[in-house]
Protein backbone atom coordinates (compact mmCIF):
# COMPACT_ATOMS: atom_id res chain seq x y z
CA UNK A 1 0.00 0.00 0.00
CA UNK A 2 1.14 3.47 -0.76
CA UNK A 3 1.31 5.99 1.94
CA UNK A 4 -0.69 9.13 1.58
CA UNK A 5 1.26 12.44 1.82
CA UNK A 6 0.39 14.76 4.66
CA UNK A 7 -2.19 17.41 3.77
CA UNK A 8 0.30 20.29 4.22
CA UNK A 9 2.59 18.89 1.47
CA UNK A 10 -0.39 18.41 -0.85
CA UNK A 11 -1.45 22.06 -0.53
CA UNK A 12 2.08 23.37 -1.25
CA UNK A 13 2.40 21.26 -4.41
CA UNK A 14 -1.13 22.26 -5.51
CA UNK A 15 -0.24 25.92 -5.01
CA UNK A 16 2.97 25.59 -7.08
CA UNK A 17 1.05 23.88 -9.92
CA UNK A 18 -1.61 26.63 -9.82
CA UNK A 19 1.02 29.38 -9.93
CA UNK A 20 2.70 27.66 -12.87
CA UNK A 21 -0.60 27.43 -14.76
CA UNK A 22 -1.36 31.13 -14.09
CA UNK A 23 2.19 32.07 -15.19
CA UNK A 24 1.79 30.20 -18.47
CA UNK A 25 -1.58 31.87 -19.06
CA UNK A 26 -0.12 35.34 -18.39
CA UNK A 27 2.83 34.59 -20.70
CA UNK A 28 0.52 33.52 -23.54
CA UNK A 29 -1.66 36.62 -23.06
CA UNK A 30 1.38 38.96 -22.96
CA UNK A 31 2.77 37.37 -26.14
CA UNK A 32 -0.58 37.80 -27.89
CA UNK A 33 -0.82 41.48 -26.88
CA UNK A 34 2.81 42.10 -27.93
CA UNK A 35 2.37 40.49 -31.35
CA UNK A 36 -0.96 42.16 -32.15
CA UNK A 37 -0.20 45.70 -30.96
CA UNK A 38 -0.74 48.53 -33.42
CA UNK A 39 1.86 51.25 -33.73
CA UNK A 40 0.06 54.55 -33.31
CA UNK A 41 1.27 57.80 -34.79
CA UNK A 42 2.92 60.17 -32.39
CA UNK A 43 0.43 62.71 -31.16
CA UNK A 44 1.53 66.32 -31.37
CA UNK A 45 0.32 68.52 -28.54
CA UNK A 46 -0.65 71.92 -29.91
CA UNK A 47 -0.31 75.13 -27.90
CA UNK A 48 -1.71 78.61 -28.45
CA UNK A 49 1.63 80.39 -28.63
CA UNK A 50 0.04 83.82 -29.24
CA UNK A 51 -1.91 83.68 -25.97
CA UNK A 52 1.25 82.61 -24.15
CA UNK A 53 3.18 85.45 -25.86
CA UNK A 54 0.63 88.04 -24.74
CA UNK A 55 0.89 86.77 -21.17
CA UNK A 56 4.69 86.74 -21.33
CA UNK A 57 4.90 90.34 -22.57
CA UNK A 58 4.21 91.59 -19.04
CA UNK A 59 6.93 89.35 -17.54
CA UNK A 60 9.77 90.02 -19.96
CA UNK A 61 11.41 92.88 -21.78
CA UNK A 62 12.04 90.66 -24.81
CA UNK A 63 10.02 90.88 -28.00
CA UNK A 64 7.79 87.81 -28.00
CA UNK A 65 8.33 86.98 -31.66
CA UNK A 66 6.46 84.17 -33.33
CA UNK A 67 5.13 83.11 -36.72
CA UNK A 68 1.97 85.23 -37.08
CA UNK A 69 -0.34 84.16 -39.90
CA UNK A 70 0.93 80.68 -40.79
CA UNK A 71 -1.75 78.33 -42.12
CA UNK A 72 -3.15 75.52 -39.95
CA UNK A 73 -0.70 72.96 -41.38
CA UNK A 74 1.91 74.50 -39.07
CA UNK A 75 1.44 73.34 -35.47
CA UNK A 76 2.86 75.30 -32.54
CA UNK A 77 4.17 72.82 -29.98
CA UNK A 78 5.90 75.06 -27.44
CA UNK A 79 6.06 78.64 -26.25
CA UNK A 80 7.72 79.80 -23.05
CA UNK A 81 10.02 82.17 -21.23
CA UNK A 82 13.11 80.44 -19.82
CA UNK A 83 16.20 81.60 -17.98
CA UNK A 84 19.85 81.10 -18.92
CA UNK A 85 22.02 82.35 -16.11
CA UNK A 86 20.60 85.75 -15.21
CA UNK A 87 18.95 86.42 -18.58
CA UNK A 88 15.56 85.45 -19.99
CA UNK A 89 14.93 83.59 -23.22
CA UNK A 90 11.68 83.61 -25.23
CA UNK A 91 11.10 80.48 -27.35
CA UNK A 92 8.43 79.34 -29.79
CA UNK A 93 8.65 75.96 -31.54
CA UNK A 94 6.46 74.68 -34.37
CA UNK A 95 6.14 71.59 -36.52
CA UNK A 96 6.12 72.44 -40.22
CA UNK A 97 3.78 70.94 -42.84
CA UNK A 98 6.56 68.44 -43.70
CA UNK A 99 6.68 67.48 -39.97
CA UNK A 100 10.05 69.13 -39.37
CA UNK A 101 10.90 71.38 -36.42
CA UNK A 102 11.36 75.15 -36.65
CA UNK A 103 11.83 77.51 -33.71
CA UNK A 104 12.62 81.09 -32.85
CA UNK A 105 14.74 81.92 -29.80
CA UNK A 106 15.02 85.52 -28.53
CA UNK A 107 17.32 86.73 -25.76
CA UNK A 108 19.81 89.33 -24.61
CA UNK A 109 22.21 86.47 -23.80
CA UNK A 110 25.43 86.14 -25.77
CA UNK A 111 24.92 84.38 -29.08
CA UNK A 112 27.52 81.70 -28.24
CA UNK A 113 25.66 80.88 -25.02
CA UNK A 114 22.37 80.56 -26.87
CA UNK A 115 23.87 78.40 -29.61
CA UNK A 116 25.40 76.03 -27.05
CA UNK A 117 22.15 75.80 -25.09
CA UNK A 118 19.64 75.44 -27.92
CA UNK A 119 21.30 74.36 -31.15
CA UNK A 120 22.69 71.00 -32.19
CA UNK A 121 24.88 71.72 -35.19
CA UNK A 122 28.30 70.53 -36.24
CA UNK A 123 29.06 73.32 -38.72
CA UNK A 124 31.68 75.92 -37.86
CA UNK A 125 31.50 77.65 -41.23
CA UNK A 126 29.48 80.84 -41.03
CA UNK A 127 27.94 82.52 -44.07
CA UNK A 128 25.08 84.98 -44.51
CA UNK A 129 21.56 84.72 -45.90
CA UNK A 130 19.17 87.55 -46.72
CA UNK A 131 15.49 87.00 -46.01
CA UNK A 132 13.15 89.91 -46.49
CA UNK A 133 15.01 93.08 -45.58
CA UNK A 134 17.34 91.42 -43.03
CA UNK A 135 20.68 89.67 -43.43
CA UNK A 136 21.18 86.75 -41.05
CA UNK A 137 24.35 84.91 -40.16
CA UNK A 138 23.97 81.26 -41.17
CA UNK A 139 25.32 77.98 -39.84
CA UNK A 140 24.21 74.89 -41.76
CA UNK A 141 24.89 71.16 -41.95
CA UNK A 142 23.07 68.31 -43.71
CA UNK A 143 20.02 68.50 -41.44
CA UNK A 144 20.09 71.72 -39.42
CA UNK A 145 19.87 75.38 -40.35
CA UNK A 146 20.64 78.14 -37.87
CA UNK A 147 20.00 81.77 -38.77
CA UNK A 148 20.83 84.46 -36.23
CA UNK A 149 20.89 88.21 -36.01
CA UNK A 150 21.55 90.86 -33.37
CA UNK A 151 19.25 93.87 -33.45
CA UNK A 152 19.42 96.56 -30.76
CA UNK A 153 21.17 94.23 -28.29
CA UNK A 154 18.67 91.41 -28.75
CA UNK A 155 19.79 88.14 -30.34
CA UNK A 156 17.27 86.22 -32.43
CA UNK A 157 18.00 82.65 -33.54
CA UNK A 158 15.92 80.63 -35.96
CA UNK A 159 16.68 76.92 -35.71
CA UNK A 160 15.23 74.62 -38.37
CA UNK A 161 15.36 71.07 -39.63
CA UNK A 162 12.81 71.96 -42.33
CA UNK A 163 13.66 72.66 -45.97
CA UNK A 164 14.63 76.19 -47.02
CA UNK A 165 11.20 76.97 -48.44
CA UNK A 166 9.46 76.29 -45.12
CA UNK A 167 12.23 77.96 -43.13
CA UNK A 168 11.93 81.15 -45.19
CA UNK A 169 8.12 81.18 -44.82
CA UNK A 170 8.57 80.87 -41.04
CA UNK A 171 11.13 83.68 -40.87
CA UNK A 172 9.03 86.02 -43.04
CA UNK A 173 6.05 85.54 -40.67
CA UNK A 174 7.95 86.45 -37.47
CA UNK A 175 6.13 89.24 -35.65
CA UNK A 176 5.02 90.19 -32.16
CA UNK A 177 1.33 89.22 -31.78
């Protein structure tokens, strides 16, 4: 005759078998969810940069420049006043119709400080580019374009990964709302 195991050993082995069965079920479910997931497009959060600019005008002495009058294919994604050291920086960023990034950065900070803080560009070769009635200094590599100008002690940088056509449209629309 076989001896029967004590009840305490039976419950431990039953519990281990139950946990194993639940683990297998969870693994199958997780695999199914992983294999059938749908990649969703990245959602772009739009901001009303002009309302933010009007509010910022009372808190800063900087011109709150932004692209006034662009069509609705351009989506503003950021607008804010920041601080670098002791000086303020006004920034507006938008996504262009070709889903590239274009921004304007305005500050009394030194241009080198602004470029180090906000621009990712390898180019050291500086040229110039005229847009409208202004001549900007230009740094450019395969992806990035950086236009900057100093007017009355205020540095304005336009940083863009968009093509030249979109970048020029953006620059031509820069105004204070």
